[in-house]
Protein backbone atom coordinates (compact mmCIF):
# COMPACT_ATOMS: atom_id res chain seq x y z
CA MET A 1 101.07 74.93 110.32
CA CYS A 2 103.49 74.89 108.19
CA GLY A 3 105.03 77.87 106.02
CA ASP A 4 108.15 80.05 107.42
CA LEU A 5 106.83 80.65 111.09
CA SER A 6 109.79 83.84 110.67
CA ARG A 7 108.13 85.71 108.07
CA GLN A 8 105.88 88.88 108.71
CA SER A 9 102.47 89.21 107.45
CA TYR A 10 101.95 92.72 105.10
CA GLY A 11 98.41 91.54 104.69
CA GLY A 12 96.63 92.06 100.77
CA ALA A 13 96.81 88.91 98.96
CA LEU A 14 100.07 86.80 98.03
CA ALA A 15 101.41 84.33 95.59
CA VAL A 16 104.54 81.80 95.64
CA LEU A 17 104.74 81.38 91.66
CA SER A 18 106.73 78.20 90.82
CA PHE A 19 107.17 75.83 87.73
CA PRO A 20 104.54 74.52 86.38
CA PRO A 21 105.24 71.06 86.72
CA ARG A 22 103.06 70.05 83.13
CA SER A 23 104.86 72.43 81.31
CA PRO A 24 108.21 70.96 79.28
CA ARG A 25 111.30 72.77 80.26
CA SER A 26 111.76 74.96 76.83
CA MET A 27 112.71 78.40 76.50
CA PRO A 28 111.76 81.22 77.66
CA PRO A 29 113.54 80.41 81.43
CA ALA A 30 111.40 79.81 84.24
CA MET A 31 110.76 82.79 86.75
CA THR A 32 110.11 82.08 89.72
CA GLY A 33 108.77 83.87 92.91
CA ARG A 34 106.36 86.04 95.07
CA LEU A 35 104.18 88.34 93.31
CA THR A 36 101.85 90.39 95.86
CA PHE A 37 98.17 92.28 95.63
CA HIS A 38 98.02 95.06 97.89
CA ASP A 39 96.65 98.50 98.39
CA CYS A 40 100.07 99.86 99.34
CA GLY A 41 100.01 99.90 102.77
CA LYS A 42 96.80 101.22 103.45
CA GLY A 43 94.92 97.84 104.71
CA GLY A 44 91.71 97.28 102.92
CA PRO A 45 90.38 95.36 101.26
CA MET A 46 90.37 95.23 97.13
CA ALA A 47 94.16 94.73 95.83
CA THR A 48 94.78 97.76 93.20
CA HIS A 49 98.91 97.11 92.87
CA ALA A 50 100.73 93.83 91.56
CA THR A 51 104.73 93.13 92.83
CA PHE A 52 105.82 90.19 91.29
CA THR A 53 109.95 89.52 93.66
CA PRO A 54 111.53 87.07 91.29
CA ASP A 55 113.14 84.36 93.67
CA LYS A 56 117.77 84.27 93.44
CA SER A 57 117.42 81.54 91.01
CA SER A 58 115.18 83.60 88.44
CA THR A 59 118.38 84.18 85.47
CA GLY A 60 119.01 87.41 84.69
CA ARG A 61 117.97 86.92 80.93
CA SER A 62 114.57 86.28 82.39
CA LEU A 63 114.35 90.22 84.79
CA ASP A 64 115.64 91.87 81.86
CA ASN A 65 113.02 90.29 79.56
CA LEU A 66 110.25 90.74 81.82
CA ASP A 67 107.50 93.72 80.09
CA SER A 68 107.18 91.21 77.94
CA TYR A 69 105.53 88.86 80.53
CA VAL A 70 101.39 88.01 81.22
CA VAL A 71 100.32 87.73 84.49
CA GLY A 72 96.80 85.45 84.68
CA ILE A 73 94.85 85.37 87.85
CA HIS A 74 91.76 82.09 86.16
CA GLU A 75 88.54 81.95 87.75
CA THR A 76 89.34 78.13 89.45
CA GLY A 77 92.51 77.17 91.74
CA ASP A 78 92.67 74.06 89.67
CA LEU A 79 95.51 73.30 88.90
CA THR A 80 94.94 69.91 87.72
CA LYS A 81 93.63 70.97 84.01
CA SER A 82 96.27 72.71 81.40
CA ALA A 83 96.57 76.37 82.20
CA MET A 84 95.66 76.85 78.42
CA ILE A 85 91.70 75.49 78.45
CA SER A 86 91.62 77.38 82.46
CA PRO A 87 89.47 80.35 81.61
CA PHE A 88 90.86 83.68 82.85
CA LEU A 89 89.08 85.78 85.98
CA TYR A 90 91.59 88.52 85.21
CA LYS A 91 94.63 89.27 83.11
CA PHE A 92 97.59 92.53 83.03
CA THR A 93 101.12 92.66 81.68
CA MET A 94 103.67 92.95 84.28
CA THR A 95 106.61 95.72 83.39
CA GLN A 96 109.93 96.55 84.71
CA ASP A 97 110.08 99.40 86.22
CA ASN A 98 111.18 99.83 89.52
CA GLN A 99 114.35 98.21 91.32
CA SER A 100 114.51 98.51 95.24
CA LEU A 101 117.32 97.79 97.67
CA GLN A 102 115.81 95.68 101.09
CA ASP A 103 117.69 95.17 103.52
CA GLY A 104 121.06 96.43 102.06
CA GLN A 105 121.23 93.99 99.25
CA GLN A 106 119.29 95.06 95.86
CA GLU A 107 116.61 93.16 94.90
CA TRP A 108 114.88 93.96 91.63
CA LEU A 109 110.45 94.78 92.20
CA MET A 110 108.56 94.75 89.30
CA GLU A 111 104.91 96.97 90.22
CA VAL A 112 102.11 97.65 88.34
CA PRO A 113 98.73 99.88 89.08
CA LEU A 114 95.95 97.27 88.98
CA SER A 115 93.36 98.93 85.67
CA HIS A 116 90.48 97.28 87.37
CA PRO A 117 90.88 96.31 91.82
CA MET A 118 90.55 92.80 92.83
CA LYS A 119 88.84 91.97 95.76
CA ILE A 120 91.08 90.56 98.35
CA GLU A 121 88.36 87.99 98.95
CA VAL A 122 87.53 84.59 98.83
CA GLY A 123 84.30 83.47 96.14
CA GLY A 124 82.57 86.00 93.69
CA ASP A 125 85.04 88.76 92.13
CA GLY A 126 87.85 88.03 94.37
CA ILE A 127 91.69 85.79 94.10
CA ILE A 128 91.94 84.17 97.11
CA GLY A 129 92.62 80.43 96.19
CA ARG A 130 92.77 81.04 92.73
CA ARG A 131 95.28 79.66 90.36
CA VAL A 132 97.35 82.14 88.76
CA THR A 133 100.04 81.61 85.92
CA LEU A 134 103.20 83.70 83.97
CA TRP A 135 103.37 83.92 80.45
CA SER A 136 105.89 84.83 78.25
CA GLN A 137 104.37 86.23 75.09
CA GLN A 138 106.93 83.53 73.08
CA ALA A 139 105.52 80.40 74.87
CA VAL A 140 103.21 78.59 74.62
CA ASP A 141 102.54 76.96 77.98
CA PRO A 142 102.96 79.81 81.42
CA ILE A 143 105.64 79.52 83.43
CA ALA A 144 105.47 79.75 86.41
CA GLU A 145 102.01 79.46 88.34
CA GLY A 146 101.09 78.89 91.92
CA ILE A 147 97.47 80.00 94.12
CA ILE A 148 96.62 83.01 95.50
CA GLY A 149 96.47 83.23 98.72
CA TYR A 150 96.17 85.83 102.29
CA ASN A 151 99.43 87.45 102.68
């Protein structure tokens, strides 16, 4: 077993987004963090909301401009080919409209309702095991990517 063993599972799906290794390190700055897909605590098999929690290392400029970012869930989990040629299964925009306090510390949470509920399962229309990318509308390459897994 690997990872943080003290971390509690919250249900739904989770992608840990990091800087894509194939992308040039240019503007805009990388936006790393956790992207969760959930049904607001109901414990069901469909995600109705997506929440992005930036890492502390993400820059303030990135947070200020988050409403201009697009999330793409790809048809496969293949990280070996360019995200630009990897077809999307789902695509939506993240907007910065929620700020939440977590454990007495200020932490930004960006949450959006999904226009199309997503299955939290493997295969078919499910999102588990698929590549997810975060795109700036001003950049050609994704600024963060990861693989969606169970949370």
